[in-house]
ModelCIF file with pLDDT and N, C-alpha, C, O atoms, coordinates in Angstrom:
data_MODEL
#
_entry.id   MODEL 
#
_entity.id                         1 
_entity.type                       polymer 
_entity.pdbx_number_of_molecules   1 
#
_entity_poly.entity_id                      1 
_entity_poly.type                           'polypeptide(L)' 
_entity_poly.nstd_linkage                   no 
_entity_poly.nstd_monomer                   no 
_entity_poly.pdbx_seq_one_letter_code       
;(UNK)(UNK)(UNK)(UNK)(UNK)(UNK)(UNK)(UNK)(UNK)(UNK)(UNK)(UNK)(UNK)(UNK)(UNK)(UNK)
(UNK)(UNK)(UNK)(UNK)(UNK)(UNK)(UNK)(UNK)(UNK)(UNK)(UNK)(UNK)(UNK)(UNK)(UNK)
;
_entity_poly.pdbx_seq_one_letter_code_can   XXXXXXXXXXXXXXXXXXXXXXXXXXXXXXX 
_entity_poly.pdbx_strand_id                 A 
#
loop_
_entity_poly_seq.entity_id 
_entity_poly_seq.num 
_entity_poly_seq.mon_id 
_entity_poly_seq.hetero 
1 1  UNK n 
1 2  UNK n 
1 3  UNK n 
1 4  UNK n 
1 5  UNK n 
1 6  UNK n 
1 7  UNK n 
1 8  UNK n 
1 9  UNK n 
1 10 UNK n 
1 11 UNK n 
1 12 UNK n 
1 13 UNK n 
1 14 UNK n 
1 15 UNK n 
1 16 UNK n 
1 17 UNK n 
1 18 UNK n 
1 19 UNK n 
1 20 UNK n 
1 21 UNK n 
1 22 UNK n 
1 23 UNK n 
1 24 UNK n 
1 25 UNK n 
1 26 UNK n 
1 27 UNK n 
1 28 UNK n 
1 29 UNK n 
1 30 UNK n 
1 31 UNK n 
#
_struct_asym.id          A 
_struct_asym.entity_id   1 
#
loop_
_ma_qa_metric.id 
_ma_qa_metric.mode 
_ma_qa_metric.name 
_ma_qa_metric.software_group_id 
_ma_qa_metric.type 
1 global pLDDT . pLDDT 
2 local  pLDDT . pLDDT 
#
_ma_qa_metric_global.metric_id      1 
_ma_qa_metric_global.metric_value   80.29 
_ma_qa_metric_global.model_id       1 
_ma_qa_metric_global.ordinal_id     1 
#
loop_
_ma_qa_metric_local.label_asym_id 
_ma_qa_metric_local.label_comp_id 
_ma_qa_metric_local.label_seq_id 
_ma_qa_metric_local.metric_id 
_ma_qa_metric_local.metric_value 
_ma_qa_metric_local.model_id 
_ma_qa_metric_local.ordinal_id 
A UNK 1  2 93.00 1 1  
A UNK 2  2 94.00 1 2  
A UNK 3  2 93.00 1 3  
A UNK 4  2 93.00 1 4  
A UNK 5  2 91.00 1 5  
A UNK 6  2 90.00 1 6  
A UNK 7  2 92.00 1 7  
A UNK 8  2 94.00 1 8  
A UNK 9  2 95.00 1 9  
A UNK 10 2 95.00 1 10 
A UNK 11 2 94.00 1 11 
A UNK 12 2 91.00 1 12 
A UNK 13 2 87.00 1 13 
A UNK 14 2 85.00 1 14 
A UNK 15 2 87.00 1 15 
A UNK 16 2 83.00 1 16 
A UNK 17 2 78.00 1 17 
A UNK 18 2 72.00 1 18 
A UNK 19 2 68.00 1 19 
A UNK 20 2 57.00 1 20 
A UNK 21 2 55.00 1 21 
A UNK 22 2 49.00 1 22 
A UNK 23 2 47.00 1 23 
A UNK 24 2 51.00 1 24 
A UNK 25 2 51.00 1 25 
A UNK 26 2 73.00 1 26 
A UNK 27 2 84.00 1 27 
A UNK 28 2 84.00 1 28 
A UNK 29 2 89.00 1 29 
A UNK 30 2 85.00 1 30 
A UNK 31 2 89.00 1 31 
#
loop_
_atom_site.group_PDB 
_atom_site.id 
_atom_site.type_symbol 
_atom_site.label_atom_id 
_atom_site.label_alt_id 
_atom_site.label_comp_id 
_atom_site.label_asym_id 
_atom_site.label_entity_id 
_atom_site.label_seq_id 
_atom_site.pdbx_PDB_ins_code 
_atom_site.Cartn_x 
_atom_site.Cartn_y 
_atom_site.Cartn_z 
_atom_site.occupancy 
_atom_site.B_iso_or_equiv 
_atom_site.pdbx_formal_charge 
_atom_site.auth_seq_id 
_atom_site.auth_comp_id 
_atom_site.auth_asym_id 
_atom_site.auth_atom_id 
_atom_site.pdbx_PDB_model_num 
ATOM 1   N N  . UNK A 1 1  ? 73.733 17.122 170.784 1.00 93.00 ? 1  UNK A N  1 
ATOM 2   C CA . UNK A 1 1  ? 74.920 17.192 171.865 1.00 93.00 ? 1  UNK A CA 1 
ATOM 3   C C  . UNK A 1 1  ? 74.927 15.977 172.681 1.00 93.00 ? 1  UNK A C  1 
ATOM 4   O O  . UNK A 1 1  ? 74.001 15.167 172.692 1.00 93.00 ? 1  UNK A O  1 
ATOM 5   N N  . UNK A 1 2  ? 76.083 15.872 173.413 1.00 94.00 ? 2  UNK A N  1 
ATOM 6   C CA . UNK A 1 2  ? 76.282 14.967 174.517 1.00 94.00 ? 2  UNK A CA 1 
ATOM 7   C C  . UNK A 1 2  ? 75.634 15.252 175.786 1.00 94.00 ? 2  UNK A C  1 
ATOM 8   O O  . UNK A 1 2  ? 75.872 16.324 176.343 1.00 94.00 ? 2  UNK A O  1 
ATOM 9   N N  . UNK A 1 3  ? 74.807 14.370 176.322 1.00 93.00 ? 3  UNK A N  1 
ATOM 10  C CA . UNK A 1 3  ? 73.890 14.590 177.477 1.00 93.00 ? 3  UNK A CA 1 
ATOM 11  C C  . UNK A 1 3  ? 74.721 14.164 178.783 1.00 93.00 ? 3  UNK A C  1 
ATOM 12  O O  . UNK A 1 3  ? 74.970 12.973 178.966 1.00 93.00 ? 3  UNK A O  1 
ATOM 13  N N  . UNK A 1 4  ? 75.046 14.911 179.472 1.00 93.00 ? 4  UNK A N  1 
ATOM 14  C CA . UNK A 1 4  ? 75.674 14.847 180.899 1.00 93.00 ? 4  UNK A CA 1 
ATOM 15  C C  . UNK A 1 4  ? 74.794 15.022 181.910 1.00 93.00 ? 4  UNK A C  1 
ATOM 16  O O  . UNK A 1 4  ? 74.699 16.131 182.435 1.00 93.00 ? 4  UNK A O  1 
ATOM 17  N N  . UNK A 1 5  ? 73.811 13.659 182.446 1.00 91.00 ? 5  UNK A N  1 
ATOM 18  C CA . UNK A 1 5  ? 72.750 13.812 183.042 1.00 91.00 ? 5  UNK A CA 1 
ATOM 19  C C  . UNK A 1 5  ? 73.229 14.434 184.499 1.00 91.00 ? 5  UNK A C  1 
ATOM 20  O O  . UNK A 1 5  ? 72.646 15.385 185.018 1.00 91.00 ? 5  UNK A O  1 
ATOM 21  N N  . UNK A 1 6  ? 74.223 13.852 185.011 1.00 90.00 ? 6  UNK A N  1 
ATOM 22  C CA . UNK A 1 6  ? 74.404 14.009 186.540 1.00 90.00 ? 6  UNK A CA 1 
ATOM 23  C C  . UNK A 1 6  ? 74.571 15.674 186.510 1.00 90.00 ? 6  UNK A C  1 
ATOM 24  O O  . UNK A 1 6  ? 74.037 16.280 187.439 1.00 90.00 ? 6  UNK A O  1 
ATOM 25  N N  . UNK A 1 7  ? 75.200 16.353 185.614 1.00 92.00 ? 7  UNK A N  1 
ATOM 26  C CA . UNK A 1 7  ? 75.305 17.724 185.723 1.00 92.00 ? 7  UNK A CA 1 
ATOM 27  C C  . UNK A 1 7  ? 74.192 18.609 184.757 1.00 92.00 ? 7  UNK A C  1 
ATOM 28  O O  . UNK A 1 7  ? 74.347 19.806 184.514 1.00 92.00 ? 7  UNK A O  1 
ATOM 29  N N  . UNK A 1 8  ? 73.234 17.924 184.337 1.00 94.00 ? 8  UNK A N  1 
ATOM 30  C CA . UNK A 1 8  ? 71.992 18.622 183.448 1.00 94.00 ? 8  UNK A CA 1 
ATOM 31  C C  . UNK A 1 8  ? 72.720 19.433 182.419 1.00 94.00 ? 8  UNK A C  1 
ATOM 32  O O  . UNK A 1 8  ? 72.459 20.633 182.328 1.00 94.00 ? 8  UNK A O  1 
ATOM 33  N N  . UNK A 1 9  ? 73.509 18.940 181.726 1.00 95.00 ? 9  UNK A N  1 
ATOM 34  C CA . UNK A 1 9  ? 74.337 19.816 180.633 1.00 95.00 ? 9  UNK A CA 1 
ATOM 35  C C  . UNK A 1 9  ? 74.229 18.998 179.483 1.00 95.00 ? 9  UNK A C  1 
ATOM 36  O O  . UNK A 1 9  ? 74.439 17.787 179.550 1.00 95.00 ? 9  UNK A O  1 
ATOM 37  N N  . UNK A 1 10 ? 73.884 19.637 178.314 1.00 95.00 ? 10 UNK A N  1 
ATOM 38  C CA . UNK A 1 10 ? 74.201 19.211 176.977 1.00 95.00 ? 10 UNK A CA 1 
ATOM 39  C C  . UNK A 1 10 ? 75.635 19.955 176.329 1.00 95.00 ? 10 UNK A C  1 
ATOM 40  O O  . UNK A 1 10 ? 75.777 21.177 176.287 1.00 95.00 ? 10 UNK A O  1 
ATOM 41  N N  . UNK A 1 11 ? 76.422 19.191 175.950 1.00 94.00 ? 11 UNK A N  1 
ATOM 42  C CA . UNK A 1 11 ? 77.742 19.752 175.321 1.00 94.00 ? 11 UNK A CA 1 
ATOM 43  C C  . UNK A 1 11 ? 77.371 19.643 173.954 1.00 94.00 ? 11 UNK A C  1 
ATOM 44  O O  . UNK A 1 11 ? 77.413 18.606 173.292 1.00 94.00 ? 11 UNK A O  1 
ATOM 45  N N  . UNK A 1 12 ? 76.904 21.076 173.454 1.00 91.00 ? 12 UNK A N  1 
ATOM 46  C CA . UNK A 1 12 ? 76.394 20.782 172.167 1.00 91.00 ? 12 UNK A CA 1 
ATOM 47  C C  . UNK A 1 12 ? 77.691 20.963 170.992 1.00 91.00 ? 12 UNK A C  1 
ATOM 48  O O  . UNK A 1 12 ? 78.788 21.515 171.071 1.00 91.00 ? 12 UNK A O  1 
ATOM 49  N N  . UNK A 1 13 ? 76.955 20.179 169.824 1.00 87.00 ? 13 UNK A N  1 
ATOM 50  C CA . UNK A 1 13 ? 77.809 19.914 168.589 1.00 87.00 ? 13 UNK A CA 1 
ATOM 51  C C  . UNK A 1 13 ? 77.001 20.672 167.437 1.00 87.00 ? 13 UNK A C  1 
ATOM 52  O O  . UNK A 1 13 ? 77.629 21.178 166.507 1.00 87.00 ? 13 UNK A O  1 
ATOM 53  N N  . UNK A 1 14 ? 75.596 20.751 167.502 1.00 85.00 ? 14 UNK A N  1 
ATOM 54  C CA . UNK A 1 14 ? 74.790 21.510 166.545 1.00 85.00 ? 14 UNK A CA 1 
ATOM 55  C C  . UNK A 1 14 ? 73.624 21.929 167.077 1.00 85.00 ? 14 UNK A C  1 
ATOM 56  O O  . UNK A 1 14 ? 72.911 21.268 167.831 1.00 85.00 ? 14 UNK A O  1 
ATOM 57  N N  . UNK A 1 15 ? 73.382 23.270 166.601 1.00 87.00 ? 15 UNK A N  1 
ATOM 58  C CA . UNK A 1 15 ? 72.501 24.281 166.857 1.00 87.00 ? 15 UNK A CA 1 
ATOM 59  C C  . UNK A 1 15 ? 71.374 24.478 165.626 1.00 87.00 ? 15 UNK A C  1 
ATOM 60  O O  . UNK A 1 15 ? 71.781 24.235 164.490 1.00 87.00 ? 15 UNK A O  1 
ATOM 61  N N  . UNK A 1 16 ? 70.085 24.874 165.778 1.00 83.00 ? 16 UNK A N  1 
ATOM 62  C CA . UNK A 1 16 ? 69.117 24.961 164.940 1.00 83.00 ? 16 UNK A CA 1 
ATOM 63  C C  . UNK A 1 16 ? 67.988 25.833 165.542 1.00 83.00 ? 16 UNK A C  1 
ATOM 64  O O  . UNK A 1 16 ? 67.295 25.572 166.525 1.00 83.00 ? 16 UNK A O  1 
ATOM 65  N N  . UNK A 1 17 ? 67.950 26.984 164.702 1.00 78.00 ? 17 UNK A N  1 
ATOM 66  C CA . UNK A 1 17 ? 66.651 28.029 165.230 1.00 78.00 ? 17 UNK A CA 1 
ATOM 67  C C  . UNK A 1 17 ? 65.141 27.429 164.879 1.00 78.00 ? 17 UNK A C  1 
ATOM 68  O O  . UNK A 1 17 ? 64.059 27.783 165.347 1.00 78.00 ? 17 UNK A O  1 
ATOM 69  N N  . UNK A 1 18 ? 65.428 26.424 163.920 1.00 72.00 ? 18 UNK A N  1 
ATOM 70  C CA . UNK A 1 18 ? 64.169 26.064 163.674 1.00 72.00 ? 18 UNK A CA 1 
ATOM 71  C C  . UNK A 1 18 ? 63.962 24.644 164.250 1.00 72.00 ? 18 UNK A C  1 
ATOM 72  O O  . UNK A 1 18 ? 64.917 23.944 164.587 1.00 72.00 ? 18 UNK A O  1 
ATOM 73  N N  . UNK A 1 19 ? 62.529 24.204 164.361 1.00 68.00 ? 19 UNK A N  1 
ATOM 74  C CA . UNK A 1 19 ? 62.235 22.910 165.412 1.00 68.00 ? 19 UNK A CA 1 
ATOM 75  C C  . UNK A 1 19 ? 61.743 21.765 164.098 1.00 68.00 ? 19 UNK A C  1 
ATOM 76  O O  . UNK A 1 19 ? 60.999 22.138 163.191 1.00 68.00 ? 19 UNK A O  1 
ATOM 77  N N  . UNK A 1 20 ? 62.214 20.552 164.169 1.00 57.00 ? 20 UNK A N  1 
ATOM 78  C CA . UNK A 1 20 ? 61.512 19.543 163.407 1.00 57.00 ? 20 UNK A CA 1 
ATOM 79  C C  . UNK A 1 20 ? 60.457 18.937 163.897 1.00 57.00 ? 20 UNK A C  1 
ATOM 80  O O  . UNK A 1 20 ? 60.422 18.942 165.127 1.00 57.00 ? 20 UNK A O  1 
ATOM 81  N N  . UNK A 1 21 ? 59.621 18.439 163.387 1.00 55.00 ? 21 UNK A N  1 
ATOM 82  C CA . UNK A 1 21 ? 58.546 17.824 164.257 1.00 55.00 ? 21 UNK A CA 1 
ATOM 83  C C  . UNK A 1 21 ? 58.925 16.570 165.012 1.00 55.00 ? 21 UNK A C  1 
ATOM 84  O O  . UNK A 1 21 ? 59.635 15.806 164.358 1.00 55.00 ? 21 UNK A O  1 
ATOM 85  N N  . UNK A 1 22 ? 58.588 16.146 166.348 1.00 49.00 ? 22 UNK A N  1 
ATOM 86  C CA . UNK A 1 22 ? 59.184 14.952 166.944 1.00 49.00 ? 22 UNK A CA 1 
ATOM 87  C C  . UNK A 1 22 ? 58.923 13.766 166.345 1.00 49.00 ? 22 UNK A C  1 
ATOM 88  O O  . UNK A 1 22 ? 59.660 12.795 166.515 1.00 49.00 ? 22 UNK A O  1 
ATOM 89  N N  . UNK A 1 23 ? 57.774 13.730 165.535 1.00 47.00 ? 23 UNK A N  1 
ATOM 90  C CA . UNK A 1 23 ? 57.385 12.417 165.190 1.00 47.00 ? 23 UNK A CA 1 
ATOM 91  C C  . UNK A 1 23 ? 58.597 12.093 163.891 1.00 47.00 ? 23 UNK A C  1 
ATOM 92  O O  . UNK A 1 23 ? 58.905 10.934 163.613 1.00 47.00 ? 23 UNK A O  1 
ATOM 93  N N  . UNK A 1 24 ? 59.169 13.222 163.215 1.00 51.00 ? 24 UNK A N  1 
ATOM 94  C CA . UNK A 1 24 ? 60.040 12.896 162.267 1.00 51.00 ? 24 UNK A CA 1 
ATOM 95  C C  . UNK A 1 24 ? 61.392 11.908 162.689 1.00 51.00 ? 24 UNK A C  1 
ATOM 96  O O  . UNK A 1 24 ? 61.975 11.931 163.773 1.00 51.00 ? 24 UNK A O  1 
ATOM 97  N N  . UNK A 1 25 ? 61.660 11.177 161.696 1.00 51.00 ? 25 UNK A N  1 
ATOM 98  C CA . UNK A 1 25 ? 62.881 10.420 161.955 1.00 51.00 ? 25 UNK A CA 1 
ATOM 99  C C  . UNK A 1 25 ? 63.887 10.991 161.362 1.00 51.00 ? 25 UNK A C  1 
ATOM 100 O O  . UNK A 1 25 ? 64.076 10.514 160.243 1.00 51.00 ? 25 UNK A O  1 
ATOM 101 N N  . UNK A 1 26 ? 64.704 11.929 161.692 1.00 73.00 ? 26 UNK A N  1 
ATOM 102 C CA . UNK A 1 26 ? 65.757 12.639 160.944 1.00 73.00 ? 26 UNK A CA 1 
ATOM 103 C C  . UNK A 1 26 ? 67.077 11.926 161.138 1.00 73.00 ? 26 UNK A C  1 
ATOM 104 O O  . UNK A 1 26 ? 67.791 11.963 162.140 1.00 73.00 ? 26 UNK A O  1 
ATOM 105 N N  . UNK A 1 27 ? 67.293 11.231 159.939 1.00 84.00 ? 27 UNK A N  1 
ATOM 106 C CA . UNK A 1 27 ? 68.703 10.522 159.706 1.00 84.00 ? 27 UNK A CA 1 
ATOM 107 C C  . UNK A 1 27 ? 69.346 11.425 158.831 1.00 84.00 ? 27 UNK A C  1 
ATOM 108 O O  . UNK A 1 27 ? 68.932 11.774 157.726 1.00 84.00 ? 27 UNK A O  1 
ATOM 109 N N  . UNK A 1 28 ? 70.620 11.864 159.522 1.00 84.00 ? 28 UNK A N  1 
ATOM 110 C CA . UNK A 1 28 ? 71.263 12.602 158.633 1.00 84.00 ? 28 UNK A CA 1 
ATOM 111 C C  . UNK A 1 28 ? 72.699 12.063 158.152 1.00 84.00 ? 28 UNK A C  1 
ATOM 112 O O  . UNK A 1 28 ? 73.642 11.844 158.913 1.00 84.00 ? 28 UNK A O  1 
ATOM 113 N N  . UNK A 1 29 ? 72.702 11.878 156.670 1.00 89.00 ? 29 UNK A N  1 
ATOM 114 C CA . UNK A 1 29 ? 73.733 11.539 155.987 1.00 89.00 ? 29 UNK A CA 1 
ATOM 115 C C  . UNK A 1 29 ? 75.016 12.054 156.478 1.00 89.00 ? 29 UNK A C  1 
ATOM 116 O O  . UNK A 1 29 ? 75.089 13.274 156.622 1.00 89.00 ? 29 UNK A O  1 
ATOM 117 N N  . UNK A 1 30 ? 76.192 11.230 156.802 1.00 85.00 ? 30 UNK A N  1 
ATOM 118 C CA . UNK A 1 30 ? 77.519 11.842 156.870 1.00 85.00 ? 30 UNK A CA 1 
ATOM 119 C C  . UNK A 1 30 ? 78.374 11.258 155.624 1.00 85.00 ? 30 UNK A C  1 
ATOM 120 O O  . UNK A 1 30 ? 78.575 10.094 155.278 1.00 85.00 ? 30 UNK A O  1 
ATOM 121 N N  . UNK A 1 31 ? 78.772 12.400 155.119 1.00 89.00 ? 31 UNK A N  1 
ATOM 122 C CA . UNK A 1 31 ? 79.795 12.208 153.841 1.00 89.00 ? 31 UNK A CA 1 
ATOM 123 C C  . UNK A 1 31 ? 81.177 12.426 154.103 1.00 89.00 ? 31 UNK A C  1 
ATOM 124 O O  . UNK A 1 31 ? 82.003 12.301 153.199 1.00 89.00 ? 31 UNK A O  1 
#
């Protein structure tokens, strides 16, 4: 989501209950 630093808020657009490895480069194709 979009990070609003001053308010410490993330305006979410996508949620996942699983965690990807932080070393993965997750490029998600948009069709």
